Amino acid sequence: MGRLNGKIAIVTGAGRGIGRATAKLFAAEGAKVAVLSLTPANVEAVVADIEAAGGMALGVACDVSSADQITAAVDKVVAAYGGVDILVNNAFDPSAVMSSIMELSVEQLQRNFDTGPIATLRTMQACYPYLKACGEGRVINFGSPAALLGMLPYAPYNMAKEATRALTRTAAREWGPDKITVNNIQPVAETWGDVEVPPANNALQRYGSPENDIAPVLLFLASKDAQFLTGYTLSPDGGMVIDGAR
């Protein structure tokens, strides 16, 4: 306990799934957590859970496809808490991720980019001065093993997620002198609730738990233990991708 004492963390897409589990774990480890999500009811529920457990949280409803809302959200966090030490870019619109290459429209691709790498870029830019000022900033972005493997029929999703990985690697080099680490996570997790899904096709033959399998990896990347790790893609995927070159 207390691995993030005194830290200020922003977690986007924190209303459910991996984002919710991460926000709650970070708060339990001592961070002041800004819970960003599109749905106000989800934001309020996560904040209530954190506060009930004795943690500190600030809820901010935010559509990450809007540059103005991102700026306003970061400004609100800084006004309340005084800065930003950790940024987790988890938010993504899952409603338009499936298409073949031949049927993929520019409009559908643009939606994946707007809520993926473009939103990630904008949030990073908004947080950069504060991440630099804290002297040991952490950025954690989200890719996907589906993108790495070129899984079908997820053409727009795969393209957006790989763009986020490229952004992560480039920012790691550019922001390294500012003592900001920038890493990428590619999880495989059960986040569908009651929706029927196919059997997991990884080595461990199961989907990961957001609380038990994925959030602890984000905690590692946000903590001092990962201070010498940057530009890396970490894959808590149960062995979906087993490749010495990754």
Protein backbone atom coordinates (compact mmCIF):
# COMPACT_ATOMS: atom_id res chain seq x y z
CA MET A 1 0.00 0.00 0.00
CA GLY A 2 1.05 3.60 -0.53
CA ARG A 3 3.09 3.12 -3.69
CA LEU A 4 1.57 6.29 -5.18
CA ASN A 5 1.38 8.45 -2.06
CA GLY A 6 1.29 12.14 -2.98
CA LYS A 7 0.82 11.50 -6.69
CA ILE A 8 -1.89 13.04 -8.87
CA ALA A 9 -3.26 10.75 -11.56
CA ILE A 10 -5.62 11.27 -14.48
CA VAL A 11 -7.32 8.12 -15.78
CA THR A 12 -9.43 8.49 -18.92
CA GLY A 13 -12.15 5.98 -19.66
CA ALA A 14 -12.32 5.40 -15.91
CA GLY A 15 -16.05 4.77 -15.74
CA ARG A 16 -15.84 1.03 -16.35
CA GLY A 17 -13.60 -1.95 -17.00
CA ILE A 18 -9.84 -1.47 -16.91
CA GLY A 19 -10.11 2.27 -16.35
CA ARG A 20 -12.35 1.86 -13.32
CA ALA A 21 -10.13 -0.86 -11.84
CA THR A 22 -7.04 1.30 -12.39
CA ALA A 23 -8.58 4.41 -10.85
CA LYS A 24 -9.64 2.47 -7.76
CA LEU A 25 -6.25 0.77 -7.36
CA PHE A 26 -4.32 4.02 -7.80
CA ALA A 27 -6.50 5.66 -5.14
CA ALA A 28 -6.00 2.71 -2.80
CA GLU A 29 -2.25 3.18 -3.28
CA GLY A 30 -2.42 6.82 -2.17
CA ALA A 31 -2.92 8.81 -5.38
CA LYS A 32 -5.39 11.62 -5.84
CA VAL A 33 -7.26 10.34 -8.88
CA ALA A 34 -9.14 12.29 -11.54
CA VAL A 35 -11.83 9.98 -12.92
CA LEU A 36 -12.55 10.96 -16.53
CA SER A 37 -15.31 9.29 -18.51
CA LEU A 38 -18.00 10.14 -21.05
CA THR A 39 -20.92 9.06 -18.85
CA PRO A 40 -21.53 11.21 -15.74
CA ALA A 41 -23.33 8.41 -13.88
CA ASN A 42 -20.31 6.13 -14.27
CA VAL A 43 -17.99 8.90 -13.12
CA GLU A 44 -20.06 9.50 -10.02
CA ALA A 45 -20.20 5.80 -9.18
CA VAL A 46 -16.43 5.34 -9.39
CA VAL A 47 -15.77 8.47 -7.33
CA ALA A 48 -18.24 7.23 -4.71
CA ASP A 49 -16.50 3.85 -4.55
CA ILE A 50 -13.09 5.48 -4.12
CA GLU A 51 -14.28 7.87 -1.43
CA ALA A 52 -16.11 5.09 0.41
CA ALA A 53 -12.82 3.21 0.57
CA GLY A 54 -11.06 6.25 2.04
CA GLY A 55 -9.42 7.50 -1.16
CA MET A 56 -9.45 10.87 -2.90
CA ALA A 57 -11.09 11.29 -6.31
CA LEU A 58 -12.35 14.03 -8.60
CA GLY A 59 -14.97 13.21 -11.20
CA VAL A 60 -14.86 14.90 -14.59
CA ALA A 61 -17.25 14.06 -17.41
CA CYS A 62 -15.21 14.31 -20.60
CA ASP A 63 -15.60 13.35 -24.26
CA VAL A 64 -12.02 12.71 -25.34
CA SER A 65 -12.92 13.28 -29.00
CA SER A 66 -13.33 16.98 -28.10
CA ALA A 67 -10.14 19.03 -27.81
CA ASP A 68 -11.96 21.68 -25.77
CA GLN A 69 -13.25 19.13 -23.27
CA ILE A 70 -9.81 17.63 -22.81
CA THR A 71 -8.32 21.05 -22.09
CA ALA A 72 -11.12 21.92 -19.68
CA ALA A 73 -10.78 18.57 -17.88
CA VAL A 74 -7.03 18.94 -17.36
CA ASP A 75 -7.50 22.52 -16.19
CA LYS A 76 -10.09 21.34 -13.65
CA VAL A 77 -7.75 18.68 -12.31
CA VAL A 78 -4.86 21.12 -11.98
CA ALA A 79 -7.09 23.67 -10.26
CA ALA A 80 -8.24 21.06 -7.75
CA TYR A 81 -5.01 19.15 -7.13
CA GLY A 82 -2.18 21.40 -8.32
CA GLY A 83 -0.65 19.34 -11.09
CA VAL A 84 -0.45 15.99 -12.87
CA ASP A 85 2.09 13.24 -12.16
CA ILE A 86 0.50 10.27 -13.95
CA LEU A 87 -1.60 10.14 -17.12
CA VAL A 88 -3.42 6.95 -18.18
CA ASN A 89 -4.94 7.20 -21.67
CA ASN A 90 -7.49 4.40 -21.62
CA ALA A 91 -10.60 5.99 -23.19
CA PHE A 92 -11.71 4.71 -26.59
CA ASP A 93 -15.02 4.45 -28.46
CA PRO A 94 -15.67 0.71 -29.00
CA SER A 95 -18.76 1.20 -31.14
CA ALA A 96 -17.12 1.36 -34.57
CA VAL A 97 -14.07 -0.90 -34.37
CA MET A 98 -15.06 -3.61 -36.86
CA SER A 99 -14.64 -3.42 -40.61
CA SER A 100 -12.87 -5.14 -43.46
CA ILE A 101 -10.28 -3.16 -45.38
CA MET A 102 -12.48 -3.03 -48.49
CA GLU A 103 -15.54 -1.75 -46.61
CA LEU A 104 -13.71 0.67 -44.33
CA SER A 105 -14.81 4.28 -44.76
CA VAL A 106 -12.67 7.29 -43.95
CA GLU A 107 -15.40 8.43 -41.57
CA GLN A 108 -15.25 5.19 -39.55
CA LEU A 109 -11.46 5.26 -39.51
CA GLN A 110 -11.54 8.88 -38.38
CA ARG A 111 -13.75 8.01 -35.40
CA ASN A 112 -11.22 5.41 -34.27
CA PHE A 113 -8.43 7.93 -34.61
CA ASP A 114 -10.41 10.73 -32.91
CA THR A 115 -10.96 8.67 -29.74
CA GLY A 116 -7.64 6.83 -29.99
CA PRO A 117 -4.29 8.37 -30.97
CA ILE A 118 -5.62 11.89 -31.52
CA ALA A 119 -7.29 11.97 -28.10
CA THR A 120 -4.15 10.47 -26.58
CA LEU A 121 -1.99 13.11 -28.25
CA ARG A 122 -4.20 15.96 -27.08
CA THR A 123 -4.31 14.72 -23.51
CA MET A 124 -0.55 14.25 -23.46
CA GLN A 125 -0.04 17.76 -24.81
CA ALA A 126 -2.39 19.24 -22.20
CA CYS A 127 -0.65 17.40 -19.36
CA TYR A 128 2.93 17.84 -20.55
CA PRO A 129 3.84 21.01 -18.61
CA TYR A 130 2.71 19.40 -15.35
CA LEU A 131 4.33 16.03 -16.09
CA LYS A 132 7.58 17.86 -16.74
CA ALA A 133 7.29 20.05 -13.65
CA CYS A 134 6.82 17.08 -11.32
CA GLY A 135 10.23 15.68 -12.30
CA GLU A 136 9.15 12.06 -12.75
CA GLY A 137 6.06 12.08 -14.93
CA ARG A 138 4.40 8.90 -16.14
CA VAL A 139 2.30 8.39 -19.27
CA ILE A 140 0.62 5.06 -19.97
CA ASN A 141 -1.11 4.59 -23.31
CA PHE A 142 -3.20 1.73 -24.63
CA GLY A 143 -2.52 -0.41 -27.66
CA SER A 144 -3.92 -3.84 -28.38
CA PRO A 145 -2.56 -7.30 -29.19
CA ALA A 146 -5.27 -7.42 -31.86
CA ALA A 147 -3.48 -4.59 -33.63
CA LEU A 148 -0.09 -6.21 -33.28
CA LEU A 149 -1.43 -9.44 -34.77
CA GLY A 150 -3.60 -7.80 -37.44
CA MET A 151 -6.70 -9.58 -36.17
CA LEU A 152 -9.81 -9.59 -38.36
CA PRO A 153 -12.18 -7.85 -38.79
CA TYR A 154 -10.76 -4.95 -36.77
CA ALA A 155 -9.11 -2.83 -39.47
CA PRO A 156 -9.89 0.66 -38.10
CA TYR A 157 -9.23 -0.35 -34.51
CA ASN A 158 -5.91 -1.97 -35.39
CA MET A 159 -4.75 1.05 -37.36
CA ALA A 160 -5.61 3.42 -34.52
CA LYS A 161 -3.98 1.29 -31.84
CA GLU A 162 -0.74 0.91 -33.77
CA ALA A 163 -0.66 4.68 -34.31
CA THR A 164 -0.87 5.06 -30.54
CA ARG A 165 2.14 2.76 -30.18
CA ALA A 166 4.11 4.92 -32.62
CA LEU A 167 3.14 8.02 -30.65
CA THR A 168 4.27 6.31 -27.45
CA ARG A 169 7.70 5.39 -28.81
CA THR A 170 8.29 8.85 -30.26
CA ALA A 171 7.19 10.68 -27.12
CA ALA A 172 9.40 8.43 -25.00
CA ARG A 173 12.46 9.67 -26.90
CA GLU A 174 11.34 13.29 -27.05
CA TRP A 175 10.24 13.55 -23.41
CA GLY A 176 12.99 11.43 -21.89
CA PRO A 177 15.18 14.46 -21.13
CA ASP A 178 12.23 15.85 -19.16
CA LYS A 179 12.25 12.72 -16.98
CA ILE A 180 8.86 11.63 -18.29
CA THR A 181 8.43 7.94 -19.09
CA VAL A 182 5.94 6.99 -21.81
CA ASN A 183 4.89 3.37 -22.12
CA ASN A 184 2.22 1.35 -23.87
CA ILE A 185 0.09 -1.47 -22.51
CA GLN A 186 -1.66 -4.14 -24.60
CA PRO A 187 -4.09 -5.99 -22.34
CA VAL A 188 -6.45 -8.86 -22.92
CA ALA A 189 -9.27 -8.52 -20.40
CA GLU A 190 -12.83 -9.56 -19.72
CA THR A 191 -14.69 -6.26 -19.94
CA TRP A 192 -17.91 -7.24 -21.71
CA GLY A 193 -20.16 -7.92 -18.73
CA ASP A 194 -22.98 -10.25 -19.77
CA VAL A 195 -22.11 -10.25 -23.48
CA GLU A 196 -21.18 -13.69 -24.81
CA VAL A 197 -17.61 -13.80 -26.11
CA PRO A 198 -15.52 -16.51 -27.79
CA PRO A 199 -13.08 -18.57 -25.73
CA ALA A 200 -9.76 -16.88 -25.05
CA ASN A 201 -7.08 -17.90 -27.54
CA ASN A 202 -4.05 -17.16 -25.37
CA ALA A 203 -1.66 -19.52 -23.62
CA LEU A 204 -3.43 -19.24 -20.25
CA GLN A 205 -6.78 -19.87 -21.94
CA ARG A 206 -8.66 -17.11 -20.14
CA TYR A 207 -9.37 -13.40 -20.31
CA GLY A 208 -7.66 -11.22 -17.75
CA SER A 209 -9.44 -9.65 -14.82
CA PRO A 210 -9.27 -5.82 -14.92
CA GLU A 211 -8.84 -5.76 -11.14
CA ASN A 212 -6.46 -8.68 -10.62
CA ASP A 213 -4.50 -8.99 -13.87
CA ILE A 214 -4.41 -5.61 -15.62
CA ALA A 215 -4.63 -2.76 -13.09
CA PRO A 216 -1.60 -4.07 -11.13
CA VAL A 217 0.49 -3.80 -14.32
CA LEU A 218 -0.56 -0.18 -14.71
CA LEU A 219 0.35 0.40 -11.07
CA PHE A 220 3.82 -0.94 -11.78
CA LEU A 221 4.26 1.39 -14.76
CA ALA A 222 3.02 4.36 -12.70
CA SER A 223 5.29 3.59 -9.75
CA LYS A 224 8.93 4.24 -9.01
CA ASP A 225 9.67 0.61 -9.84
CA ALA A 226 9.29 1.44 -13.56
CA GLN A 227 11.43 4.59 -13.52
CA PHE A 228 13.96 3.13 -16.01
CA LEU A 229 11.38 1.74 -18.43
CA THR A 230 10.21 3.92 -21.32
CA GLY A 231 9.09 3.51 -24.91
CA TYR A 232 8.10 -0.06 -24.14
CA THR A 233 5.01 -2.09 -24.95
CA LEU A 234 4.00 -4.31 -22.04
CA SER A 235 1.46 -7.01 -22.85
CA PRO A 236 -0.56 -8.49 -19.98
CA ASP A 237 -2.35 -10.76 -22.42
CA GLY A 238 -2.05 -14.23 -20.89
CA GLY A 239 0.34 -15.25 -23.65
CA MET A 240 -1.67 -14.17 -26.69
CA VAL A 241 1.49 -12.68 -28.20
CA ILE A 242 4.62 -14.69 -27.44
CA ASP A 243 7.35 -13.16 -29.54
CA GLY A 244 10.95 -12.53 -28.63
CA ALA A 245 11.00 -9.43 -30.88
CA ARG A 246 8.27 -7.56 -29.06
